[in-house]
Each structure stands twice: as C-alpha cells, then as structure tokens.
C-alpha cells in the first residue's frame, strides 16, 4: 500500500466549517490496466474529533 501524506493545520476558531474542498492530483503510469477504479478518502478532523469518508470512481482508457 502506498504511503499516505499527513498534514496538520494548527489553528483554533469558534466558527464551524461546514464545507471543505479536497483536491487531489495523482500520477498514474502505464503499469495500471484499463478499467474502472475507485479512489477512497478517509478524512479525520483532529480538532472536532469527527471523521468522514468520500469516494470517486474514474475510468482509465487506452490512448
């Protein structure tokens, strides 16, 4: 399994953030076969202690 990148934002505020965007860039090389893949995100908010999950399916097609 590939290494997961972790990061911490050290800020305190009473305002609740209802929506946060997640942006991801991934480089895939020719070792990946054509087909449908699913990327899973596991999100932990250390400040509030809440967790969430998200998923996105995508297709790899031949050039």
Protein backbone atom coordinates (compact mmCIF):
# COMPACT_ATOMS: atom_id res chain seq x y z
CA UNK A 1 0.00 0.00 0.00
CA UNK A 2 1.42 3.44 -0.89
CA UNK A 3 2.40 5.91 1.81
CA UNK A 4 -0.32 8.34 2.92
CA UNK A 5 0.53 12.04 3.17
CA UNK A 6 -0.48 13.56 6.53
CA UNK A 7 -0.70 17.24 7.40
CA UNK A 8 -1.72 19.31 10.41
CA UNK A 9 -3.21 22.81 10.49
CA UNK A 10 -2.66 24.30 13.93
CA UNK A 11 -5.47 26.88 14.22
CA UNK A 12 -8.25 27.46 16.73
CA UNK A 13 -11.56 29.20 15.99
CA UNK A 14 -15.13 29.03 17.28
CA UNK A 15 -16.55 29.15 13.73
CA UNK A 16 -17.68 25.78 12.38
CA UNK A 17 -16.61 24.98 8.84
CA UNK A 18 -19.48 23.22 7.08
CA UNK A 19 -17.84 22.65 3.70
CA UNK A 20 -14.20 21.97 2.93
CA UNK A 21 -12.85 21.17 -0.54
CA UNK A 22 -10.47 18.28 -1.06
CA UNK A 23 -8.17 18.48 -4.08
CA UNK A 24 -6.00 15.57 -5.18
CA UNK A 25 -3.51 15.10 -8.01
CA UNK A 26 -2.34 11.59 -8.85
CA UNK A 27 0.14 10.47 -11.49
CA UNK A 28 -0.60 7.07 -12.99
CA UNK A 29 1.89 5.33 -15.25
CA UNK A 30 1.47 2.63 -17.88
CA UNK A 31 1.53 -0.18 -15.27
CA UNK A 32 -2.17 0.50 -14.49
CA UNK A 33 -4.58 -1.57 -16.60
CA UNK A 34 -7.57 -0.03 -18.36
CA UNK A 35 -10.79 -0.25 -16.36
CA UNK A 36 -12.85 1.46 -13.68
CA UNK A 37 -11.12 2.40 -10.42
CA UNK A 38 -12.41 3.87 -7.17
CA UNK A 39 -10.43 6.30 -5.00
CA UNK A 40 -11.38 6.30 -1.30
CA UNK A 41 -10.76 9.21 1.08
CA UNK A 42 -10.75 8.84 4.87
CA UNK A 43 -10.92 12.27 6.50
CA UNK A 44 -10.17 12.89 10.19
CA UNK A 45 -10.69 16.25 11.91
CA UNK A 46 -8.40 16.19 14.93
CA UNK A 47 -9.88 19.46 16.23
CA UNK A 48 -13.50 18.26 16.45
CA UNK A 49 -12.81 14.52 16.59
CA UNK A 50 -15.18 13.91 13.67
CA UNK A 51 -14.48 11.67 10.68
CA UNK A 52 -15.90 11.45 7.17
CA UNK A 53 -15.41 9.37 4.05
CA UNK A 54 -15.69 10.20 0.37
CA UNK A 55 -15.18 8.21 -2.80
CA UNK A 56 -14.79 8.92 -6.50
CA UNK A 57 -14.87 6.42 -9.37
CA UNK A 58 -12.93 7.04 -12.59
CA UNK A 59 -12.09 5.18 -15.80
CA UNK A 60 -8.67 4.57 -17.33
CA UNK A 61 -8.95 4.12 -21.08
CA UNK A 62 -6.30 3.30 -23.69
CA UNK A 63 -4.85 6.30 -25.56
